[in-house]
PDB file of N, CA and C in Angstrom:
ATOM      1  N   MET A   1       1.453  -4.658  25.436  1.00  0.00           N
ATOM      2  CA  MET A   1       0.083  -5.078  25.180  1.00  0.00           C
ATOM      3  C   MET A   1      -0.486  -4.213  24.060  1.00  0.00           C
ATOM      4  N   PHE A   2      -1.201  -4.833  23.159  1.00  0.00           N
ATOM      5  CA  PHE A   2      -1.801  -4.168  22.011  1.00  0.00           C
ATOM      6  C   PHE A   2      -3.309  -4.283  22.133  1.00  0.00           C
ATOM      7  N   ARG A   3      -4.034  -3.211  21.852  1.00  0.00           N
ATOM      8  CA  ARG A   3      -5.497  -3.276  21.981  1.00  0.00           C
ATOM      9  C   ARG A   3      -6.185  -2.500  20.876  1.00  0.00           C
ATOM     10  N   ARG A   4      -7.424  -2.874  20.636  1.00  0.00           N
ATOM     11  CA  ARG A   4      -8.283  -2.219  19.657  1.00  0.00           C
ATOM     12  C   ARG A   4      -9.719  -2.244  20.165  1.00  0.00           C
ATOM     13  N   LYS A   5     -10.480  -1.255  19.705  1.00  0.00           N
ATOM     14  CA  LYS A   5     -11.900  -1.174  20.062  1.00  0.00           C
ATOM     15  C   LYS A   5     -12.719  -1.607  18.853  1.00  0.00           C
ATOM     16  N   TYR A   6     -13.747  -2.411  19.102  1.00  0.00           N
ATOM     17  CA  TYR A   6     -14.633  -2.917  18.060  1.00  0.00           C
ATOM     18  C   TYR A   6     -16.087  -2.797  18.520  1.00  0.00           C
ATOM     19  N   LYS A   7     -16.999  -3.072  17.586  1.00  0.00           N
ATOM     20  CA  LYS A   7     -18.436  -3.123  17.891  1.00  0.00           C
ATOM     21  C   LYS A   7     -18.995  -4.398  17.292  1.00  0.00           C
ATOM     22  N   VAL A   8     -19.823  -5.103  18.038  1.00  0.00           N
ATOM     23  CA  VAL A   8     -20.427  -6.346  17.564  1.00  0.00           C
ATOM     24  C   VAL A   8     -21.392  -6.008  16.420  1.00  0.00           C
ATOM     25  N   LYS A   9     -21.168  -6.661  15.276  1.00  0.00           N
ATOM     26  CA  LYS A   9     -21.978  -6.415  14.088  1.00  0.00           C
ATOM     27  C   LYS A   9     -23.073  -7.479  13.942  1.00  0.00           C
ATOM     28  N   GLY A  10     -24.020  -7.206  13.082  1.00  0.00           N
ATOM     29  CA  GLY A  10     -25.149  -8.108  12.862  1.00  0.00           C
ATOM     30  C   GLY A  10     -24.759  -9.488  12.383  1.00  0.00           C
ATOM     31  N   GLU A  11     -23.719  -9.578  11.543  1.00  0.00           N
ATOM     32  CA  GLU A  11     -23.300 -10.888  11.036  1.00  0.00           C
ATOM     33  C   GLU A  11     -22.564 -11.722  12.082  1.00  0.00           C
ATOM     34  N   ASP A  12     -22.262 -11.113  13.239  1.00  0.00           N
ATOM     35  CA  ASP A  12     -21.531 -11.808  14.304  1.00  0.00           C
ATOM     36  C   ASP A  12     -22.432 -12.490  15.329  1.00  0.00           C
ATOM     37  N   VAL A  13     -23.736 -12.237  15.262  1.00  0.00           N
ATOM     38  CA  VAL A  13     -24.626 -12.685  16.330  1.00  0.00           C
ATOM     39  C   VAL A  13     -25.584 -13.781  15.868  1.00  0.00           C
ATOM     40  N   ASN A  14     -26.148 -14.482  16.851  1.00  0.00           N
ATOM     41  CA  ASN A  14     -27.158 -15.503  16.572  1.00  0.00           C
ATOM     42  C   ASN A  14     -28.553 -14.876  16.696  1.00  0.00           C
ATOM     43  N   ASP A  15     -29.579 -15.700  16.685  1.00  0.00           N
ATOM     44  CA  ASP A  15     -30.957 -15.205  16.762  1.00  0.00           C
ATOM     45  C   ASP A  15     -31.278 -14.513  18.086  1.00  0.00           C
ATOM     46  N   TYR A  16     -30.471 -14.754  19.100  1.00  0.00           N
ATOM     47  CA  TYR A  16     -30.670 -14.133  20.415  1.00  0.00           C
ATOM     48  C   TYR A  16     -29.800 -12.891  20.607  1.00  0.00           C
ATOM     49  N   MET A  17     -29.162 -12.443  19.514  1.00  0.00           N
ATOM     50  CA  MET A  17     -28.307 -11.250  19.481  1.00  0.00           C
ATOM     51  C   MET A  17     -27.016 -11.391  20.289  1.00  0.00           C
ATOM     52  N   VAL A  18     -26.595 -12.629  20.527  1.00  0.00           N
ATOM     53  CA  VAL A  18     -25.356 -12.923  21.258  1.00  0.00           C
ATOM     54  C   VAL A  18     -24.253 -13.210  20.239  1.00  0.00           C
ATOM     55  N   MET A  19     -23.074 -12.662  20.464  1.00  0.00           N
ATOM     56  CA  MET A  19     -21.960 -12.902  19.558  1.00  0.00           C
ATOM     57  C   MET A  19     -21.608 -14.385  19.549  1.00  0.00           C
ATOM     58  N   GLN A  20     -21.451 -14.941  18.337  1.00  0.00           N
ATOM     59  CA  GLN A  20     -21.156 -16.362  18.156  1.00  0.00           C
ATOM     60  C   GLN A  20     -19.657 -16.634  18.271  1.00  0.00           C
ATOM     61  N   ASP A  21     -19.323 -17.880  18.526  1.00  0.00           N
ATOM     62  CA  ASP A  21     -17.933 -18.273  18.742  1.00  0.00           C
ATOM     63  C   ASP A  21     -17.023 -17.921  17.566  1.00  0.00           C
ATOM     64  N   PHE A  22     -17.484 -18.150  16.332  1.00  0.00           N
ATOM     65  CA  PHE A  22     -16.637 -17.880  15.170  1.00  0.00           C
ATOM     66  C   PHE A  22     -16.230 -16.410  15.100  1.00  0.00           C
ATOM     67  N   ALA A  23     -17.088 -15.512  15.584  1.00  0.00           N
ATOM     68  CA  ALA A  23     -16.806 -14.080  15.509  1.00  0.00           C
ATOM     69  C   ALA A  23     -15.611 -13.699  16.389  1.00  0.00           C
ATOM     70  N   TYR A  24     -15.434 -14.395  17.499  1.00  0.00           N
ATOM     71  CA  TYR A  24     -14.271 -14.117  18.345  1.00  0.00           C
ATOM     72  C   TYR A  24     -12.981 -14.370  17.571  1.00  0.00           C
ATOM     73  N   VAL A  25     -12.959 -15.440  16.798  1.00  0.00           N
ATOM     74  CA  VAL A  25     -11.773 -15.765  15.998  1.00  0.00           C
ATOM     75  C   VAL A  25     -11.581 -14.723  14.898  1.00  0.00           C
ATOM     76  N   VAL A  26     -12.659 -14.311  14.253  1.00  0.00           N
ATOM     77  CA  VAL A  26     -12.577 -13.298  13.192  1.00  0.00           C
ATOM     78  C   VAL A  26     -11.994 -12.000  13.752  1.00  0.00           C
ATOM     79  N   TYR A  27     -12.479 -11.577  14.909  1.00  0.00           N
ATOM     80  CA  TYR A  27     -11.945 -10.357  15.513  1.00  0.00           C
ATOM     81  C   TYR A  27     -10.493 -10.539  15.938  1.00  0.00           C
ATOM     82  N   ALA A  28     -10.143 -11.716  16.417  1.00  0.00           N
ATOM     83  CA  ALA A  28      -8.751 -11.977  16.805  1.00  0.00           C
ATOM     84  C   ALA A  28      -7.836 -11.879  15.583  1.00  0.00           C
ATOM     85  N   ILE A  29      -8.254 -12.426  14.453  1.00  0.00           N
ATOM     86  CA  ILE A  29      -7.458 -12.329  13.226  1.00  0.00           C
ATOM     87  C   ILE A  29      -7.286 -10.871  12.824  1.00  0.00           C
ATOM     88  N   SER A  30      -8.341 -10.083  12.922  1.00  0.00           N
ATOM     89  CA  SER A  30      -8.263  -8.662  12.599  1.00  0.00           C
ATOM     90  C   SER A  30      -7.268  -7.941  13.513  1.00  0.00           C
ATOM     91  N   LEU A  31      -7.316  -8.250  14.798  1.00  0.00           N
ATOM     92  CA  LEU A  31      -6.400  -7.639  15.760  1.00  0.00           C
ATOM     93  C   LEU A  31      -4.955  -8.034  15.472  1.00  0.00           C
ATOM     94  N   ILE A  32      -4.734  -9.301  15.185  1.00  0.00           N
ATOM     95  CA  ILE A  32      -3.387  -9.787  14.894  1.00  0.00           C
ATOM     96  C   ILE A  32      -2.851  -9.133  13.621  1.00  0.00           C
ATOM     97  N   LYS A  33      -3.698  -9.036  12.619  1.00  0.00           N
ATOM     98  CA  LYS A  33      -3.286  -8.400  11.361  1.00  0.00           C
ATOM     99  C   LYS A  33      -2.868  -6.950  11.605  1.00  0.00           C
ATOM    100  N   SER A  34      -3.628  -6.219  12.389  1.00  0.00           N
ATOM    101  CA  SER A  34      -3.271  -4.840  12.735  1.00  0.00           C
ATOM    102  C   SER A  34      -1.938  -4.785  13.473  1.00  0.00           C
ATOM    103  N   TYR A  35      -1.759  -5.726  14.385  1.00  0.00           N
ATOM    104  CA  TYR A  35      -0.537  -5.771  15.188  1.00  0.00           C
ATOM    105  C   TYR A  35       0.697  -6.032  14.328  1.00  0.00           C
ATOM    106  N   VAL A  36       0.636  -7.031  13.464  1.00  0.00           N
ATOM    107  CA  VAL A  36       1.817  -7.377  12.677  1.00  0.00           C
ATOM    108  C   VAL A  36       2.140  -6.308  11.634  1.00  0.00           C
ATOM    109  N   ILE A  37       1.130  -5.682  11.075  1.00  0.00           N
ATOM    110  CA  ILE A  37       1.369  -4.585  10.131  1.00  0.00           C
ATOM    111  C   ILE A  37       2.017  -3.410  10.857  1.00  0.00           C
ATOM    112  N   LYS A  38       1.496  -3.084  12.030  1.00  0.00           N
ATOM    113  CA  LYS A  38       2.048  -1.973  12.811  1.00  0.00           C
ATOM    114  C   LYS A  38       3.503  -2.230  13.189  1.00  0.00           C
ATOM    115  N   ASN A  39       3.859  -3.489  13.399  1.00  0.00           N
ATOM    116  CA  ASN A  39       5.211  -3.835  13.813  1.00  0.00           C
ATOM    117  C   ASN A  39       6.137  -4.188  12.652  1.00  0.00           C
ATOM    118  N   GLY A  40       5.725  -3.862  11.436  1.00  0.00           N
ATOM    119  CA  GLY A  40       6.611  -3.934  10.289  1.00  0.00           C
ATOM    120  C   GLY A  40       6.805  -5.278   9.629  1.00  0.00           C
ATOM    121  N   TYR A  41       5.936  -6.246   9.893  1.00  0.00           N
ATOM    122  CA  TYR A  41       6.033  -7.526   9.196  1.00  0.00           C
ATOM    123  C   TYR A  41       5.643  -7.325   7.728  1.00  0.00           C
ATOM    124  N   SER A  42       6.207  -8.112   6.839  1.00  0.00           N
ATOM    125  CA  SER A  42       5.882  -7.999   5.415  1.00  0.00           C
ATOM    126  C   SER A  42       4.478  -8.539   5.145  1.00  0.00           C
ATOM    127  N   LYS A  43       3.922  -8.144   3.989  1.00  0.00           N
ATOM    128  CA  LYS A  43       2.583  -8.631   3.613  1.00  0.00           C
ATOM    129  C   LYS A  43       2.563 -10.151   3.472  1.00  0.00           C
ATOM    130  N   LYS A  44       3.653 -10.722   2.989  1.00  0.00           N
ATOM    131  CA  LYS A  44       3.733 -12.175   2.834  1.00  0.00           C
ATOM    132  C   LYS A  44       3.622 -12.865   4.195  1.00  0.00           C
ATOM    133  N   VAL A  45       4.326 -12.338   5.181  1.00  0.00           N
ATOM    134  CA  VAL A  45       4.262 -12.906   6.537  1.00  0.00           C
ATOM    135  C   VAL A  45       2.856 -12.726   7.102  1.00  0.00           C
ATOM    136  N   VAL A  46       2.260 -11.550   6.891  1.00  0.00           N
ATOM    137  CA  VAL A  46       0.907 -11.277   7.391  1.00  0.00           C
ATOM    138  C   VAL A  46      -0.088 -12.282   6.819  1.00  0.00           C
ATOM    139  N   GLU A  47      -0.038 -12.528   5.517  1.00  0.00           N
ATOM    140  CA  GLU A  47      -0.962 -13.471   4.895  1.00  0.00           C
ATOM    141  C   GLU A  47      -0.712 -14.900   5.387  1.00  0.00           C
ATOM    142  N   GLY A  48       0.551 -15.270   5.586  1.00  0.00           N
ATOM    143  CA  GLY A  48       0.869 -16.594   6.116  1.00  0.00           C
ATOM    144  C   GLY A  48       0.335 -16.786   7.513  1.00  0.00           C
ATOM    145  N   ILE A  49       0.478 -15.754   8.339  1.00  0.00           N
ATOM    146  CA  ILE A  49      -0.046 -15.804   9.709  1.00  0.00           C
ATOM    147  C   ILE A  49      -1.563 -15.944   9.684  1.00  0.00           C
ATOM    148  N   LYS A  50      -2.212 -15.159   8.820  1.00  0.00           N
ATOM    149  CA  LYS A  50      -3.672 -15.210   8.722  1.00  0.00           C
ATOM    150  C   LYS A  50      -4.144 -16.611   8.324  1.00  0.00           C
ATOM    151  N   MET A  51      -3.492 -17.206   7.333  1.00  0.00           N
ATOM    152  CA  MET A  51      -3.884 -18.552   6.890  1.00  0.00           C
ATOM    153  C   MET A  51      -3.652 -19.577   7.991  1.00  0.00           C
ATOM    154  N   ASN A  52      -2.530 -19.469   8.702  1.00  0.00           N
ATOM    155  CA  ASN A  52      -2.245 -20.410   9.787  1.00  0.00           C
ATOM    156  C   ASN A  52      -3.275 -20.286  10.897  1.00  0.00           C
ATOM    157  N   ILE A  53      -3.642 -19.074  11.234  1.00  0.00           N
ATOM    158  CA  ILE A  53      -4.587 -18.867  12.334  1.00  0.00           C
ATOM    159  C   ILE A  53      -5.984 -19.338  11.953  1.00  0.00           C
ATOM    160  N   GLU A  54      -6.372 -19.150  10.696  1.00  0.00           N
ATOM    161  CA  GLU A  54      -7.683 -19.632  10.260  1.00  0.00           C
ATOM    162  C   GLU A  54      -7.781 -21.158  10.375  1.00  0.00           C
ATOM    163  N   ASN A  55      -6.652 -21.850  10.291  1.00  0.00           N
ATOM    164  CA  ASN A  55      -6.628 -23.311  10.389  1.00  0.00           C
ATOM    165  C   ASN A  55      -6.114 -23.783  11.749  1.00  0.00           C
ATOM    166  N   SER A  56      -6.151 -22.927  12.737  1.00  0.00           N
ATOM    167  CA  SER A  56      -5.592 -23.254  14.049  1.00  0.00           C
ATOM    168  C   SER A  56      -6.629 -23.917  14.951  1.00  0.00           C
ATOM    169  N   THR A  57      -6.118 -24.450  16.047  1.00  0.00           N
ATOM    170  CA  THR A  57      -7.016 -24.913  17.105  1.00  0.00           C
ATOM    171  C   THR A  57      -7.200 -23.741  18.052  1.00  0.00           C
ATOM    172  N   ASN A  58      -8.364 -23.638  18.614  1.00  0.00           N
ATOM    173  CA  ASN A  58      -8.581 -22.517  19.526  1.00  0.00           C
ATOM    174  C   ASN A  58      -9.303 -22.976  20.778  1.00  0.00           C
ATOM    175  N   GLN A  59      -9.080 -22.201  21.808  1.00  0.00           N
ATOM    176  CA  GLN A  59      -9.738 -22.447  23.089  1.00  0.00           C
ATOM    177  C   GLN A  59     -10.408 -21.139  23.493  1.00  0.00           C
ATOM    178  N   LEU A  60     -11.729 -21.140  23.476  1.00  0.00           N
ATOM    179  CA  LEU A  60     -12.512 -19.959  23.818  1.00  0.00           C
ATOM    180  C   LEU A  60     -13.217 -20.200  25.140  1.00  0.00           C
ATOM    181  N   VAL A  61     -13.053 -19.254  26.051  1.00  0.00           N
ATOM    182  CA  VAL A  61     -13.759 -19.303  27.334  1.00  0.00           C
ATOM    183  C   VAL A  61     -14.595 -18.028  27.433  1.00  0.00           C
ATOM    184  N   CYS A  62     -15.920 -18.193  27.368  1.00  0.00           N
ATOM    185  CA  CYS A  62     -16.836 -17.055  27.472  1.00  0.00           C
ATOM    186  C   CYS A  62     -17.309 -16.916  28.909  1.00  0.00           C
ATOM    187  N   ILE A  63     -17.191 -15.718  29.434  1.00  0.00           N
ATOM    188  CA  ILE A  63     -17.604 -15.440  30.802  1.00  0.00           C
ATOM    189  C   ILE A  63     -18.905 -14.638  30.809  1.00  0.00           C
ATOM    190  N   LYS A  64     -18.974 -13.655  29.926  1.00  0.00           N
ATOM    191  CA  LYS A  64     -20.176 -12.838  29.736  1.00  0.00           C
ATOM    192  C   LYS A  64     -20.417 -12.715  28.241  1.00  0.00           C
ATOM    193  N   ASN A  65     -21.671 -12.676  27.857  1.00  0.00           N
ATOM    194  CA  ASN A  65     -21.994 -12.542  26.441  1.00  0.00           C
ATOM    195  C   ASN A  65     -21.754 -11.120  25.951  1.00  0.00           C
ATOM    196  N   LEU A  66     -21.227 -11.020  24.747  1.00  0.00           N
ATOM    197  CA  LEU A  66     -21.183  -9.746  24.047  1.00  0.00           C
ATOM    198  C   LEU A  66     -22.398  -9.717  23.135  1.00  0.00           C
ATOM    199  N   MET A  67     -23.117  -8.603  23.149  1.00  0.00           N
ATOM    200  CA  MET A  67     -24.388  -8.504  22.451  1.00  0.00           C
ATOM    201  C   MET A  67     -24.293  -7.583  21.228  1.00  0.00           C
ATOM    202  N   PHE A  68     -25.255  -7.723  20.324  1.00  0.00           N
ATOM    203  CA  PHE A  68     -25.339  -6.924  19.103  1.00  0.00           C
ATOM    204  C   PHE A  68     -25.210  -5.438  19.413  1.00  0.00           C
ATOM    205  N   THR A  69     -24.413  -4.746  18.658  1.00  0.00           N
ATOM    206  CA  THR A  69     -24.091  -3.307  18.728  1.00  0.00           C
ATOM    207  C   THR A  69     -23.275  -2.912  19.961  1.00  0.00           C
ATOM    208  N   GLN A  70     -22.896  -3.849  20.775  1.00  0.00           N
ATOM    209  CA  GLN A  70     -22.129  -3.533  21.979  1.00  0.00           C
ATOM    210  C   GLN A  70     -20.667  -3.252  21.602  1.00  0.00           C
ATOM    211  N   ASP A  71     -20.121  -2.177  22.162  1.00  0.00           N
ATOM    212  CA  ASP A  71     -18.701  -1.879  22.000  1.00  0.00           C
ATOM    213  C   ASP A  71     -17.897  -2.798  22.903  1.00  0.00           C
ATOM    214  N   PHE A  72     -16.720  -3.187  22.432  1.00  0.00           N
ATOM    215  CA  PHE A  72     -15.837  -3.999  23.269  1.00  0.00           C
ATOM    216  C   PHE A  72     -14.383  -3.728  22.905  1.00  0.00           C
ATOM    217  N   LEU A  73     -13.513  -4.006  23.850  1.00  0.00           N
ATOM    218  CA  LEU A  73     -12.074  -3.867  23.652  1.00  0.00           C
ATOM    219  C   LEU A  73     -11.445  -5.243  23.576  1.00  0.00           C
ATOM    220  N   MET A  74     -10.467  -5.374  22.699  1.00  0.00           N
ATOM    221  CA  MET A  74      -9.687  -6.603  22.610  1.00  0.00           C
ATOM    222  C   MET A  74      -8.257  -6.274  22.967  1.00  0.00           C
ATOM    223  N   TYR A  75      -7.685  -7.115  23.791  1.00  0.00           N
ATOM    224  CA  TYR A  75      -6.286  -6.987  24.174  1.00  0.00           C
ATOM    225  C   TYR A  75      -5.522  -8.181  23.628  1.00  0.00           C
ATOM    226  N   LEU A  76      -4.415  -7.905  22.952  1.00  0.00           N
ATOM    227  CA  LEU A  76      -3.518  -8.955  22.499  1.00  0.00           C
ATOM    228  C   LEU A  76      -2.480  -9.126  23.598  1.00  0.00           C
ATOM    229  N   ASP A  77      -2.676 -10.140  24.426  1.00  0.00           N
ATOM    230  CA  ASP A  77      -1.809 -10.367  25.581  1.00  0.00           C
ATOM    231  C   ASP A  77      -0.504 -11.042  25.199  1.00  0.00           C
ATOM    232  N   SER A  78      -0.568 -11.958  24.256  1.00  0.00           N
ATOM    233  CA  SER A  78       0.621 -12.710  23.886  1.00  0.00           C
ATOM    234  C   SER A  78       0.565 -13.023  22.403  1.00  0.00           C
ATOM    235  N   PHE A  79       1.676 -12.782  21.722  1.00  0.00           N
ATOM    236  CA  PHE A  79       1.786 -13.098  20.306  1.00  0.00           C
ATOM    237  C   PHE A  79       3.180 -13.645  20.076  1.00  0.00           C
ATOM    238  N   ASN A  80       3.274 -14.926  19.785  1.00  0.00           N
ATOM    239  CA  ASN A  80       4.547 -15.572  19.524  1.00  0.00           C
ATOM    240  C   ASN A  80       4.491 -16.218  18.158  1.00  0.00           C
ATOM    241  N   ILE A  81       5.506 -15.939  17.357  1.00  0.00           N
ATOM    242  CA  ILE A  81       5.580 -16.528  16.022  1.00  0.00           C
ATOM    243  C   ILE A  81       6.978 -17.111  15.827  1.00  0.00           C
ATOM    244  N   GLN A  82       7.010 -18.300  15.281  1.00  0.00           N
ATOM    245  CA  GLN A  82       8.264 -18.933  14.881  1.00  0.00           C
ATOM    246  C   GLN A  82       8.205 -19.033  13.364  1.00  0.00           C
ATOM    247  N   GLU A  83       8.843 -18.075  12.684  1.00  0.00           N
ATOM    248  CA  GLU A  83       8.701 -17.963  11.230  1.00  0.00           C
ATOM    249  C   GLU A  83       9.204 -19.176  10.468  1.00  0.00           C
ATOM    250  N   GLY A  84      10.223 -19.849  10.957  1.00  0.00           N
ATOM    251  CA  GLY A  84      10.787 -20.988  10.240  1.00  0.00           C
ATOM    252  C   GLY A  84       9.808 -22.131  10.068  1.00  0.00           C
ATOM    253  N   ASN A  85       9.033 -22.427  11.104  1.00  0.00           N
ATOM    254  CA  ASN A  85       8.084 -23.544  11.009  1.00  0.00           C
ATOM    255  C   ASN A  85       6.629 -23.074  11.092  1.00  0.00           C
ATOM    256  N   ASN A  86       6.409 -21.763  10.938  1.00  0.00           N
ATOM    257  CA  ASN A  86       5.061 -21.177  10.886  1.00  0.00           C
ATOM    258  C   ASN A  86       4.197 -21.491  12.096  1.00  0.00           C
ATOM    259  N   LYS A  87       4.802 -21.611  13.260  1.00  0.00           N
ATOM    260  CA  LYS A  87       4.047 -21.822  14.503  1.00  0.00           C
ATOM    261  C   LYS A  87       3.629 -20.473  15.066  1.00  0.00           C
ATOM    262  N   VAL A  88       2.370 -20.374  15.470  1.00  0.00           N
ATOM    263  CA  VAL A  88       1.844 -19.135  16.037  1.00  0.00           C
ATOM    264  C   VAL A  88       1.068 -19.474  17.307  1.00  0.00           C
ATOM    265  N   LEU A  89       1.283 -18.677  18.351  1.00  0.00           N
ATOM    266  CA  LEU A  89       0.510 -18.777  19.585  1.00  0.00           C
ATOM    267  C   LEU A  89       0.015 -17.380  19.920  1.00  0.00           C
ATOM    268  N   VAL A  90      -1.304 -17.248  20.052  1.00  0.00           N
ATOM    269  CA  VAL A  90      -1.919 -15.950  20.307  1.00  0.00           C
ATOM    270  C   VAL A  90      -2.878 -16.078  21.480  1.00  0.00           C
ATOM    271  N   GLU A  91      -2.804 -15.121  22.390  1.00  0.00           N
ATOM    272  CA  GLU A  91      -3.745 -15.054  23.509  1.00  0.00           C
ATOM    273  C   GLU A  91      -4.399 -13.674  23.498  1.00  0.00           C
ATOM    274  N   THR A  92      -5.730 -13.658  23.494  1.00  0.00           N
ATOM    275  CA  THR A  92      -6.477 -12.401  23.491  1.00  0.00           C
ATOM    276  C   THR A  92      -7.540 -12.415  24.582  1.00  0.00           C
ATOM    277  N   ARG A  93      -7.894 -11.215  25.014  1.00  0.00           N
ATOM    278  CA  ARG A  93      -8.982 -11.055  25.983  1.00  0.00           C
ATOM    279  C   ARG A  93      -9.968 -10.024  25.432  1.00  0.00           C
ATOM    280  N   PHE A  94     -11.242 -10.242  25.722  1.00  0.00           N
ATOM    281  CA  PHE A  94     -12.331  -9.380  25.276  1.00  0.00           C
ATOM    282  C   PHE A  94     -12.982  -8.734  26.505  1.00  0.00           C
ATOM    283  N   PHE A  95     -13.130  -7.418  26.481  1.00  0.00           N
ATOM    284  CA  PHE A  95     -13.751  -6.680  27.580  1.00  0.00           C
ATOM    285  C   PHE A  95     -14.914  -5.857  27.045  1.00  0.00           C
ATOM    286  N   ASN A  96     -15.999  -5.777  27.823  1.00  0.00           N
ATOM    287  CA  ASN A  96     -17.120  -4.939  27.424  1.00  0.00           C
ATOM    288  C   ASN A  96     -16.829  -3.480  27.788  1.00  0.00           C
ATOM    289  N   ALA A  97     -17.778  -2.590  27.515  1.00  0.00           N
ATOM    290  CA  ALA A  97     -17.594  -1.159  27.752  1.00  0.00           C
ATOM    291  C   ALA A  97     -17.426  -0.827  29.233  1.00  0.00           C
ATOM    292  N   LYS A  98     -17.877  -1.707  30.113  1.00  0.00           N
ATOM    293  CA  LYS A  98     -17.707  -1.500  31.559  1.00  0.00           C
ATOM    294  C   LYS A  98     -16.364  -2.052  32.047  1.00  0.00           C
ATOM    295  N   ASN A  99     -15.529  -2.467  31.107  1.00  0.00           N
ATOM    296  CA  ASN A  99     -14.212  -3.040  31.391  1.00  0.00           C
ATOM    297  C   ASN A  99     -14.305  -4.359  32.163  1.00  0.00           C
ATOM    298  N   GLU A 100     -15.383  -5.106  31.923  1.00  0.00           N
ATOM    299  CA  GLU A 100     -15.560  -6.433  32.521  1.00  0.00           C
ATOM    300  C   GLU A 100     -15.047  -7.474  31.531  1.00  0.00           C
ATOM    301  N   LEU A 101     -14.281  -8.429  32.013  1.00  0.00           N
ATOM    302  CA  LEU A 101     -13.775  -9.489  31.158  1.00  0.00           C
ATOM    303  C   LEU A 101     -14.945 -10.334  30.656  1.00  0.00           C
ATOM    304  N   CYS A 102     -15.049 -10.462  29.338  1.00  0.00           N
ATOM    305  CA  CYS A 102     -16.143 -11.236  28.741  1.00  0.00           C
ATOM    306  C   CYS A 102     -15.674 -12.568  28.181  1.00  0.00           C
ATOM    307  N   ALA A 103     -14.459 -12.619  27.659  1.00  0.00           N
ATOM    308  CA  ALA A 103     -13.974 -13.864  27.068  1.00  0.00           C
ATOM    309  C   ALA A 103     -12.456 -13.844  26.922  1.00  0.00           C
ATOM    310  N   THR A 104     -11.893 -15.033  26.868  1.00  0.00           N
ATOM    311  CA  THR A 104     -10.476 -15.195  26.516  1.00  0.00           C
ATOM    312  C   THR A 104     -10.407 -16.189  25.365  1.00  0.00           C
ATOM    313  N   LEU A 105      -9.453 -15.974  24.505  1.00  0.00           N
ATOM    314  CA  LEU A 105      -9.276 -16.829  23.338  1.00  0.00           C
ATOM    315  C   LEU A 105      -7.798 -17.113  23.163  1.00  0.00           C
ATOM    316  N   VAL A 106      -7.474 -18.394  23.021  1.00  0.00           N
ATOM    317  CA  VAL A 106      -6.098 -18.828  22.753  1.00  0.00           C
ATOM    318  C   VAL A 106      -6.113 -19.557  21.417  1.00  0.00           C
ATOM    319  N   LEU A 107      -5.274 -19.102  20.484  1.00  0.00           N
ATOM    320  CA  LEU A 107      -5.155 -19.723  19.167  1.00  0.00           C
ATOM    321  C   LEU A 107      -3.765 -20.327  19.034  1.00  0.00           C
ATOM    322  N   LYS A 108      -3.696 -21.583  18.576  1.00  0.00           N
ATOM    323  CA  LYS A 108      -2.418 -22.269  18.369  1.00  0.00           C
ATOM    324  C   LYS A 108      -2.413 -22.909  16.988  1.00  0.00           C
ATOM    325  N   THR A 109      -1.255 -22.829  16.332  1.00  0.00           N
ATOM    326  CA  THR A 109      -1.086 -23.530  15.046  1.00  0.00           C
ATOM    327  C   THR A 109      -0.017 -24.584  15.204  1.00  0.00           C
TER     328      THR A 109
END
């Protein structure tokens, strides 16, 4: 399992200071990029993965809202890549500072 700590930024929230759906995907891409670089994938593969994920279908399930300036942890639970046909499946979970599950996100290309 791979994890990173982040903080909800101003550009990630709506008028009610709640993190918006698109921000979950942005953070997931950041986490995946960190993961693949750490595991020795080439820059070309990293950029291909990023482009595929930006055009992927996603399933987001929000349980608790993440709010502006709130710290949170992201866990990369599953990362599967088939380099020949550029298929990617990613599963991530978002936890608040109290270690409460706030959201899950599944990205498929």
